[in-house]
Amino acid sequence: MPGEGSMLHMIITLRNNRNLRRSRRRRFLNRENETGPNNVRLFHRQDISSDQLQMVKQEIRMRTKKERRKTLTITTIVFTILGFFLIYLWFYIL
């Protein structure tokens, strides 16, 4: 019967993917108990105050605002130069 090998491969692939997904889910849920080399915990959780959290949020917002402004400035400059170049080509060369 034609196609049996393809169907078998599909079934095996789906089964393997399902098994991988389950193992990854278990690893994700049990992450708190994982230790790295030399029995050191991989995740260090620190409790921070709400004031410190607000300062971190403000810092992130400021950094994002600066990056956005920089990107907008560069984009504006590039499109302005491109626009002048296209106008030059349109009126003086053609």
PDB file of N, CA and C in Angstrom:
ATOM      1  N   MET A   1       0.845  -1.171   0.000  1.00  0.00           N
ATOM      2  CA  MET A   1       0.000   0.000   0.000  1.00  0.00           C
ATOM      3  C   MET A   1       0.899   1.245   0.000  1.00  0.00           C
ATOM      4  N   PRO A   2       0.730   2.132  -0.976  1.00  0.00           N
ATOM      5  CA  PRO A   2       1.597   3.302  -1.056  1.00  0.00           C
ATOM      6  C   PRO A   2       1.340   4.273   0.096  1.00  0.00           C
ATOM      7  N   GLY A   3       2.416   4.891   0.561  1.00  0.00           N
ATOM      8  CA  GLY A   3       2.285   5.911   1.597  1.00  0.00           C
ATOM      9  C   GLY A   3       2.395   5.393   3.012  1.00  0.00           C
ATOM     10  N   GLU A   4       2.587   4.069   3.194  1.00  0.00           N
ATOM     11  CA  GLU A   4       2.648   3.542   4.557  1.00  0.00           C
ATOM     12  C   GLU A   4       3.862   4.082   5.300  1.00  0.00           C
ATOM     13  N   GLY A   5       4.978   4.183   4.606  1.00  0.00           N
ATOM     14  CA  GLY A   5       6.182   4.696   5.267  1.00  0.00           C
ATOM     15  C   GLY A   5       6.000   6.138   5.714  1.00  0.00           C
ATOM     16  N   SER A   6       5.349   6.939   4.883  1.00  0.00           N
ATOM     17  CA  SER A   6       5.112   8.342   5.236  1.00  0.00           C
ATOM     18  C   SER A   6       4.181   8.449   6.431  1.00  0.00           C
ATOM     19  N   MET A   7       3.127   7.646   6.450  1.00  0.00           N
ATOM     20  CA  MET A   7       2.194   7.680   7.574  1.00  0.00           C
ATOM     21  C   MET A   7       2.858   7.197   8.856  1.00  0.00           C
ATOM     22  N   LEU A   8       3.676   6.151   8.750  1.00  0.00           N
ATOM     23  CA  LEU A   8       4.380   5.648   9.922  1.00  0.00           C
ATOM     24  C   LEU A   8       5.339   6.709  10.461  1.00  0.00           C
ATOM     25  N   HIS A   9       6.046   7.379   9.550  1.00  0.00           N
ATOM     26  CA  HIS A   9       6.958   8.432   9.970  1.00  0.00           C
ATOM     27  C   HIS A   9       6.192   9.562  10.663  1.00  0.00           C
ATOM     28  N   MET A  10       5.022   9.930  10.137  1.00  0.00           N
ATOM     29  CA  MET A  10       4.208  10.979  10.749  1.00  0.00           C
ATOM     30  C   MET A  10       3.775  10.580  12.150  1.00  0.00           C
ATOM     31  N   ILE A  11       3.329   9.335  12.313  1.00  0.00           N
ATOM     32  CA  ILE A  11       2.875   8.861  13.615  1.00  0.00           C
ATOM     33  C   ILE A  11       4.024   8.867  14.623  1.00  0.00           C
ATOM     34  N   ILE A  12       5.190   8.396  14.192  1.00  0.00           N
ATOM     35  CA  ILE A  12       6.353   8.359  15.086  1.00  0.00           C
ATOM     36  C   ILE A  12       6.787   9.778  15.459  1.00  0.00           C
ATOM     37  N   THR A  13       6.773  10.680  14.486  1.00  0.00           N
ATOM     38  CA  THR A  13       7.163  12.059  14.750  1.00  0.00           C
ATOM     39  C   THR A  13       6.216  12.716  15.740  1.00  0.00           C
ATOM     40  N   LEU A  14       4.921  12.517  15.549  1.00  0.00           N
ATOM     41  CA  LEU A  14       3.942  13.092  16.477  1.00  0.00           C
ATOM     42  C   LEU A  14       4.122  12.528  17.882  1.00  0.00           C
ATOM     43  N   ARG A  15       4.380  11.244  17.983  1.00  0.00           N
ATOM     44  CA  ARG A  15       4.587  10.626  19.292  1.00  0.00           C
ATOM     45  C   ARG A  15       5.835  11.177  19.967  1.00  0.00           C
ATOM     46  N   ASN A  16       6.919  11.314  19.203  1.00  0.00           N
ATOM     47  CA  ASN A  16       8.147  11.868  19.770  1.00  0.00           C
ATOM     48  C   ASN A  16       7.960  13.309  20.216  1.00  0.00           C
ATOM     49  N   ASN A  17       7.254  14.102  19.418  1.00  0.00           N
ATOM     50  CA  ASN A  17       7.008  15.490  19.800  1.00  0.00           C
ATOM     51  C   ASN A  17       6.176  15.570  21.074  1.00  0.00           C
ATOM     52  N   ARG A  18       5.191  14.722  21.186  1.00  0.00           N
ATOM     53  CA  ARG A  18       4.360  14.702  22.390  1.00  0.00           C
ATOM     54  C   ARG A  18       5.186  14.335  23.610  1.00  0.00           C
ATOM     55  N   ASN A  19       6.065  13.351  23.458  1.00  0.00           N
ATOM     56  CA  ASN A  19       6.917  12.953  24.577  1.00  0.00           C
ATOM     57  C   ASN A  19       7.876  14.070  24.968  1.00  0.00           C
ATOM     58  N   LEU A  20       8.407  14.772  23.998  1.00  0.00           N
ATOM     59  CA  LEU A  20       9.291  15.887  24.299  1.00  0.00           C
ATOM     60  C   LEU A  20       8.544  16.986  25.040  1.00  0.00           C
ATOM     61  N   ARG A  21       7.340  17.263  24.624  1.00  0.00           N
ATOM     62  CA  ARG A  21       6.556  18.318  25.243  1.00  0.00           C
ATOM     63  C   ARG A  21       6.272  18.002  26.702  1.00  0.00           C
ATOM     64  N   ARG A  22       5.936  16.770  27.001  1.00  0.00           N
ATOM     65  CA  ARG A  22       5.664  16.387  28.382  1.00  0.00           C
ATOM     66  C   ARG A  22       6.897  16.529  29.245  1.00  0.00           C
ATOM     67  N   SER A  23       8.044  16.076  28.729  1.00  0.00           N
ATOM     68  CA  SER A  23       9.258  16.150  29.535  1.00  0.00           C
ATOM     69  C   SER A  23       9.657  17.605  29.759  1.00  0.00           C
ATOM     70  N   ARG A  24       9.460  18.448  28.753  1.00  0.00           N
ATOM     71  CA  ARG A  24       9.795  19.852  28.939  1.00  0.00           C
ATOM     72  C   ARG A  24       8.868  20.490  29.961  1.00  0.00           C
ATOM     73  N   ARG A  25       7.609  20.108  29.971  1.00  0.00           N
ATOM     74  CA  ARG A  25       6.665  20.657  30.933  1.00  0.00           C
ATOM     75  C   ARG A  25       7.054  20.245  32.347  1.00  0.00           C
ATOM     76  N   ARG A  26       7.450  18.983  32.515  1.00  0.00           N
ATOM     77  CA  ARG A  26       7.873  18.522  33.841  1.00  0.00           C
ATOM     78  C   ARG A  26       9.106  19.271  34.302  1.00  0.00           C
ATOM     79  N   ARG A  27      10.049  19.459  33.392  1.00  0.00           N
ATOM     80  CA  ARG A  27      11.265  20.183  33.757  1.00  0.00           C
ATOM     81  C   ARG A  27      10.944  21.619  34.140  1.00  0.00           C
ATOM     82  N   PHE A  28       9.992  22.238  33.436  1.00  0.00           N
ATOM     83  CA  PHE A  28       9.635  23.614  33.739  1.00  0.00           C
ATOM     84  C   PHE A  28       8.964  23.707  35.105  1.00  0.00           C
ATOM     85  N   LEU A  29       8.088  22.766  35.416  1.00  0.00           N
ATOM     86  CA  LEU A  29       7.381  22.817  36.692  1.00  0.00           C
ATOM     87  C   LEU A  29       8.295  22.505  37.863  1.00  0.00           C
ATOM     88  N   ASN A  30       9.294  21.667  37.664  1.00  0.00           N
ATOM     89  CA  ASN A  30      10.206  21.290  38.744  1.00  0.00           C
ATOM     90  C   ASN A  30      11.469  22.139  38.755  1.00  0.00           C
ATOM     91  N   ARG A  31      11.446  23.286  38.183  1.00  0.00           N
ATOM     92  CA  ARG A  31      12.622  24.115  38.044  1.00  0.00           C
ATOM     93  C   ARG A  31      13.153  24.598  39.393  1.00  0.00           C
ATOM     94  N   GLU A  32      12.280  24.725  40.358  1.00  0.00           N
ATOM     95  CA  GLU A  32      12.695  25.245  41.650  1.00  0.00           C
ATOM     96  C   GLU A  32      13.670  24.297  42.345  1.00  0.00           C
ATOM     97  N   ASN A  33      13.550  22.999  42.073  1.00  0.00           N
ATOM     98  CA  ASN A  33      14.392  22.019  42.738  1.00  0.00           C
ATOM     99  C   ASN A  33      15.701  21.757  42.010  1.00  0.00           C
ATOM    100  N   GLU A  34      15.906  22.369  40.844  1.00  0.00           N
ATOM    101  CA  GLU A  34      17.113  22.113  40.071  1.00  0.00           C
ATOM    102  C   GLU A  34      18.324  22.756  40.737  1.00  0.00           C
ATOM    103  N   THR A  35      19.432  22.093  40.627  1.00  0.00           N
ATOM    104  CA  THR A  35      20.690  22.658  41.098  1.00  0.00           C
ATOM    105  C   THR A  35      21.699  22.557  39.983  1.00  0.00           C
ATOM    106  N   GLY A  36      22.634  23.462  39.971  1.00  0.00           N
ATOM    107  CA  GLY A  36      23.666  23.462  38.954  1.00  0.00           C
ATOM    108  C   GLY A  36      24.881  22.698  39.435  1.00  0.00           C
ATOM    109  N   PRO A  37      26.016  22.903  38.797  1.00  0.00           N
ATOM    110  CA  PRO A  37      27.240  22.233  39.225  1.00  0.00           C
ATOM    111  C   PRO A  37      27.612  22.659  40.651  1.00  0.00           C
ATOM    112  N   ASN A  38      28.190  21.757  41.377  1.00  0.00           N
ATOM    113  CA  ASN A  38      28.619  21.986  42.754  1.00  0.00           C
ATOM    114  C   ASN A  38      27.456  22.275  43.702  1.00  0.00           C
ATOM    115  N   ASN A  39      26.273  21.756  43.371  1.00  0.00           N
ATOM    116  CA  ASN A  39      25.077  21.887  44.217  1.00  0.00           C
ATOM    117  C   ASN A  39      24.728  23.340  44.532  1.00  0.00           C
ATOM    118  N   VAL A  40      24.838  24.195  43.552  1.00  0.00           N
ATOM    119  CA  VAL A  40      24.463  25.597  43.711  1.00  0.00           C
ATOM    120  C   VAL A  40      23.108  25.780  43.052  1.00  0.00           C
ATOM    121  N   ARG A  41      22.200  26.454  43.717  1.00  0.00           N
ATOM    122  CA  ARG A  41      20.875  26.683  43.136  1.00  0.00           C
ATOM    123  C   ARG A  41      21.002  27.587  41.913  1.00  0.00           C
ATOM    124  N   LEU A  42      20.249  27.256  40.887  1.00  0.00           N
ATOM    125  CA  LEU A  42      20.337  28.014  39.651  1.00  0.00           C
ATOM    126  C   LEU A  42      19.624  29.353  39.740  1.00  0.00           C
ATOM    127  N   PHE A  43      18.602  29.457  40.548  1.00  0.00           N
ATOM    128  CA  PHE A  43      17.809  30.670  40.628  1.00  0.00           C
ATOM    129  C   PHE A  43      17.916  31.248  42.030  1.00  0.00           C
ATOM    130  N   HIS A  44      18.266  32.517  42.092  1.00  0.00           N
ATOM    131  CA  HIS A  44      18.345  33.211  43.365  1.00  0.00           C
ATOM    132  C   HIS A  44      17.235  34.252  43.382  1.00  0.00           C
ATOM    133  N   ARG A  45      16.318  34.069  44.251  1.00  0.00           N
ATOM    134  CA  ARG A  45      15.195  34.983  44.327  1.00  0.00           C
ATOM    135  C   ARG A  45      15.462  35.990  45.425  1.00  0.00           C
ATOM    136  N   GLN A  46      15.352  37.251  45.085  1.00  0.00           N
ATOM    137  CA  GLN A  46      15.557  38.299  46.065  1.00  0.00           C
ATOM    138  C   GLN A  46      14.256  39.056  46.249  1.00  0.00           C
ATOM    139  N   ASP A  47      13.938  39.333  47.481  1.00  0.00           N
ATOM    140  CA  ASP A  47      12.756  40.134  47.762  1.00  0.00           C
ATOM    141  C   ASP A  47      13.164  41.598  47.733  1.00  0.00           C
ATOM    142  N   ILE A  48      12.431  42.400  46.963  1.00  0.00           N
ATOM    143  CA  ILE A  48      12.739  43.813  46.887  1.00  0.00           C
ATOM    144  C   ILE A  48      11.520  44.596  47.332  1.00  0.00           C
ATOM    145  N   SER A  49      11.756  45.794  47.793  1.00  0.00           N
ATOM    146  CA  SER A  49      10.650  46.620  48.272  1.00  0.00           C
ATOM    147  C   SER A  49       9.914  47.227  47.085  1.00  0.00           C
ATOM    148  N   SER A  50       8.741  47.741  47.360  1.00  0.00           N
ATOM    149  CA  SER A  50       7.947  48.332  46.284  1.00  0.00           C
ATOM    150  C   SER A  50       8.607  49.605  45.754  1.00  0.00           C
ATOM    151  N   ASP A  51       9.336  50.333  46.621  1.00  0.00           N
ATOM    152  CA  ASP A  51      10.042  51.533  46.155  1.00  0.00           C
ATOM    153  C   ASP A  51      11.132  51.162  45.149  1.00  0.00           C
ATOM    154  N   GLN A  52      11.889  50.122  45.459  1.00  0.00           N
ATOM    155  CA  GLN A  52      12.931  49.682  44.540  1.00  0.00           C
ATOM    156  C   GLN A  52      12.324  49.194  43.230  1.00  0.00           C
ATOM    157  N   LEU A  53      11.195  48.509  43.330  1.00  0.00           N
ATOM    158  CA  LEU A  53      10.516  48.026  42.138  1.00  0.00           C
ATOM    159  C   LEU A  53      10.058  49.195  41.268  1.00  0.00           C
ATOM    160  N   GLN A  54       9.524  50.237  41.893  1.00  0.00           N
ATOM    161  CA  GLN A  54       9.101  51.415  41.144  1.00  0.00           C
ATOM    162  C   GLN A  54      10.292  52.101  40.475  1.00  0.00           C
ATOM    163  N   MET A  55      11.438  52.146  41.173  1.00  0.00           N
ATOM    164  CA  MET A  55      12.627  52.757  40.594  1.00  0.00           C
ATOM    165  C   MET A  55      13.108  51.973  39.374  1.00  0.00           C
ATOM    166  N   VAL A  56      13.059  50.646  39.464  1.00  0.00           N
ATOM    167  CA  VAL A  56      13.471  49.808  38.334  1.00  0.00           C
ATOM    168  C   VAL A  56      12.525  50.009  37.157  1.00  0.00           C
ATOM    169  N   LYS A  57      11.236  50.065  37.433  1.00  0.00           N
ATOM    170  CA  LYS A  57      10.261  50.292  36.368  1.00  0.00           C
ATOM    171  C   LYS A  57      10.493  51.636  35.693  1.00  0.00           C
ATOM    172  N   GLN A  58      10.739  52.662  36.504  1.00  0.00           N
ATOM    173  CA  GLN A  58      10.986  53.995  35.964  1.00  0.00           C
ATOM    174  C   GLN A  58      12.249  54.006  35.097  1.00  0.00           C
ATOM    175  N   GLU A  59      13.275  53.323  35.560  1.00  0.00           N
ATOM    176  CA  GLU A  59      14.526  53.240  34.804  1.00  0.00           C
ATOM    177  C   GLU A  59      14.310  52.557  33.457  1.00  0.00           C
ATOM    178  N   ILE A  60      13.552  51.476  33.467  1.00  0.00           N
ATOM    179  CA  ILE A  60      13.269  50.745  32.226  1.00  0.00           C
ATOM    180  C   ILE A  60      12.463  51.624  31.276  1.00  0.00           C
ATOM    181  N   ARG A  61      11.481  52.349  31.816  1.00  0.00           N
ATOM    182  CA  ARG A  61      10.680  53.240  30.975  1.00  0.00           C
ATOM    183  C   ARG A  61      11.536  54.332  30.347  1.00  0.00           C
ATOM    184  N   MET A  62      12.434  54.904  31.137  1.00  0.00           N
ATOM    185  CA  MET A  62      13.302  55.957  30.614  1.00  0.00           C
ATOM    186  C   MET A  62      14.213  55.421  29.510  1.00  0.00           C
ATOM    187  N   ARG A  63      14.785  54.236  29.735  1.00  0.00           N
ATOM    188  CA  ARG A  63      15.667  53.635  28.743  1.00  0.00           C
ATOM    189  C   ARG A  63      14.900  53.340  27.458  1.00  0.00           C
ATOM    190  N   THR A  64      13.697  52.815  27.590  1.00  0.00           N
ATOM    191  CA  THR A  64      12.880  52.514  26.421  1.00  0.00           C
ATOM    192  C   THR A  64      12.521  53.790  25.667  1.00  0.00           C
ATOM    193  N   LYS A  65      12.201  54.844  26.412  1.00  0.00           N
ATOM    194  CA  LYS A  65      11.855  56.119  25.793  1.00  0.00           C
ATOM    195  C   LYS A  65      13.042  56.682  25.011  1.00  0.00           C
ATOM    196  N   LYS A  66      14.248  56.599  25.580  1.00  0.00           N
ATOM    197  CA  LYS A  66      15.446  57.078  24.887  1.00  0.00           C
ATOM    198  C   LYS A  66      15.706  56.277  23.618  1.00  0.00           C
ATOM    199  N   GLU A  67      15.571  54.944  23.713  1.00  0.00           N
ATOM    200  CA  GLU A  67      15.796  54.100  22.535  1.00  0.00           C
ATOM    201  C   GLU A  67      14.784  54.413  21.443  1.00  0.00           C
ATOM    202  N   ARG A  68      13.530  54.603  21.826  1.00  0.00           N
ATOM    203  CA  ARG A  68      12.488  54.907  20.859  1.00  0.00           C
ATOM    204  C   ARG A  68      12.747  56.253  20.180  1.00  0.00           C
ATOM    205  N   ARG A  69      13.159  57.250  20.968  1.00  0.00           N
ATOM    206  CA  ARG A  69      13.458  58.577  20.423  1.00  0.00           C
ATOM    207  C   ARG A  69      14.635  58.502  19.456  1.00  0.00           C
ATOM    208  N   LYS A  70      15.660  57.736  19.826  1.00  0.00           N
ATOM    209  CA  LYS A  70      16.834  57.584  18.972  1.00  0.00           C
ATOM    210  C   LYS A  70      16.464  56.913  17.649  1.00  0.00           C
ATOM    211  N   THR A  71      15.661  55.854  17.726  1.00  0.00           N
ATOM    212  CA  THR A  71      15.222  55.148  16.522  1.00  0.00           C
ATOM    213  C   THR A  71      14.396  56.063  15.631  1.00  0.00           C
ATOM    214  N   LEU A  72      13.504  56.838  16.226  1.00  0.00           N
ATOM    215  CA  LEU A  72      12.662  57.746  15.459  1.00  0.00           C
ATOM    216  C   LEU A  72      13.500  58.822  14.780  1.00  0.00           C
ATOM    217  N   THR A  73      14.489  59.355  15.486  1.00  0.00           N
ATOM    218  CA  THR A  73      15.357  60.380  14.916  1.00  0.00           C
ATOM    219  C   THR A  73      16.143  59.834  13.726  1.00  0.00           C
ATOM    220  N   ILE A  74      16.727  58.669  13.900  1.00  0.00           N
ATOM    221  CA  ILE A  74      17.507  58.071  12.811  1.00  0.00           C
ATOM    222  C   ILE A  74      16.616  57.771  11.611  1.00  0.00           C
ATOM    223  N   THR A  75      15.438  57.238  11.867  1.00  0.00           N
ATOM    224  CA  THR A  75      14.507  56.923  10.777  1.00  0.00           C
ATOM    225  C   THR A  75      14.099  58.187  10.030  1.00  0.00           C
ATOM    226  N   THR A  76      13.810  59.250  10.772  1.00  0.00           N
ATOM    227  CA  THR A  76      13.413  60.514  10.146  1.00  0.00           C
ATOM    228  C   THR A  76      14.535  61.063   9.278  1.00  0.00           C
ATOM    229  N   ILE A  77      15.756  61.044   9.797  1.00  0.00           N
ATOM    230  CA  ILE A  77      16.894  61.557   9.022  1.00  0.00           C
ATOM    231  C   ILE A  77      17.100  60.751   7.747  1.00  0.00           C
ATOM    232  N   VAL A  78      17.038  59.431   7.860  1.00  0.00           N
ATOM    233  CA  VAL A  78      17.257  58.577   6.686  1.00  0.00           C
ATOM    234  C   VAL A  78      16.177  58.819   5.636  1.00  0.00           C
ATOM    235  N   PHE A  79      14.915  58.901   6.056  1.00  0.00           N
ATOM    236  CA  PHE A  79      13.846  59.104   5.078  1.00  0.00           C
ATOM    237  C   PHE A  79      13.891  60.505   4.473  1.00  0.00           C
ATOM    238  N   THR A  80      14.336  61.493   5.244  1.00  0.00           N
ATOM    239  CA  THR A  80      14.472  62.846   4.693  1.00  0.00           C
ATOM    240  C   THR A  80      15.546  62.875   3.612  1.00  0.00           C
ATOM    241  N   ILE A  81      16.690  62.278   3.901  1.00  0.00           N
ATOM    242  CA  ILE A  81      17.763  62.220   2.899  1.00  0.00           C
ATOM    243  C   ILE A  81      17.301  61.446   1.669  1.00  0.00           C
ATOM    244  N   LEU A  82      16.629  60.324   1.885  1.00  0.00           N
ATOM    245  CA  LEU A  82      16.120  59.534   0.767  1.00  0.00           C
ATOM    246  C   LEU A  82      15.106  60.330  -0.044  1.00  0.00           C
ATOM    247  N   GLY A  83      14.247  61.071   0.636  1.00  0.00           N
ATOM    248  CA  GLY A  83      13.255  61.889  -0.065  1.00  0.00           C
ATOM    249  C   GLY A  83      13.900  62.951  -0.925  1.00  0.00           C
ATOM    250  N   PHE A  84      14.903  63.678  -0.363  1.00  0.00           N
ATOM    251  CA  PHE A  84      15.609  64.689  -1.158  1.00  0.00           C
ATOM    252  C   PHE A  84      16.316  64.062  -2.354  1.00  0.00           C
ATOM    253  N   PHE A  85      16.898  62.905  -2.159  1.00  0.00           N
ATOM    254  CA  PHE A  85      17.574  62.221  -3.256  1.00  0.00           C
ATOM    255  C   PHE A  85      16.585  61.846  -4.358  1.00  0.00           C
ATOM    256  N   LEU A  86      15.428  61.334  -3.974  1.00  0.00           N
ATOM    257  CA  LEU A  86      14.424  60.962  -4.980  1.00  0.00           C
ATOM    258  C   LEU A  86      13.872  62.188  -5.704  1.00  0.00           C
ATOM    259  N   ILE A  87      13.679  63.290  -4.972  1.00  0.00           N
ATOM    260  CA  ILE A  87      13.211  64.521  -5.615  1.00  0.00           C
ATOM    261  C   ILE A  87      14.253  65.012  -6.604  1.00  0.00           C
ATOM    262  N   TYR A  88      15.520  64.967  -6.215  1.00  0.00           N
ATOM    263  CA  TYR A  88      16.611  65.351  -7.114  1.00  0.00           C
ATOM    264  C   TYR A  88      16.592  64.501  -8.378  1.00  0.00           C
ATOM    265  N   LEU A  89      16.472  63.191  -8.193  1.00  0.00           N
ATOM    266  CA  LEU A  89      16.434  62.300  -9.352  1.00  0.00           C
ATOM    267  C   LEU A  89      15.230  62.607 -10.237  1.00  0.00           C
ATOM    268  N   TRP A  90      14.105  62.873  -9.653  1.00  0.00           N
ATOM    269  CA  TRP A  90      12.862  63.053 -10.406  1.00  0.00           C
ATOM    270  C   TRP A  90      12.921  64.335 -11.246  1.00  0.00           C
ATOM    271  N   PHE A  91      13.377  65.433 -10.644  1.00  0.00           N
ATOM    272  CA  PHE A  91      13.313  66.716 -11.345  1.00  0.00           C
ATOM    273  C   PHE A  91      14.536  67.039 -12.194  1.00  0.00           C
ATOM    274  N   TYR A  92      15.712  66.610 -11.772  1.00  0.00           N
ATOM    275  CA  TYR A  92      16.910  67.054 -12.460  1.00  0.00           C
ATOM    276  C   TYR A  92      17.488  66.030 -13.418  1.00  0.00           C
ATOM    277  N   ILE A  93      17.246  64.782 -13.186  1.00  0.00           N
ATOM    278  CA  ILE A  93      17.818  63.768 -14.065  1.00  0.00           C
ATOM    279  C   ILE A  93      16.794  63.276 -15.077  1.00  0.00           C
ATOM    280  N   LEU A  94      15.574  63.112 -14.677  1.00  0.00           N
ATOM    281  CA  LEU A  94      14.565  62.614 -15.617  1.00  0.00           C
ATOM    282  C   LEU A  94      13.906  63.721 -16.339  1.00  0.00           C
TER     283      LEU A  94
END
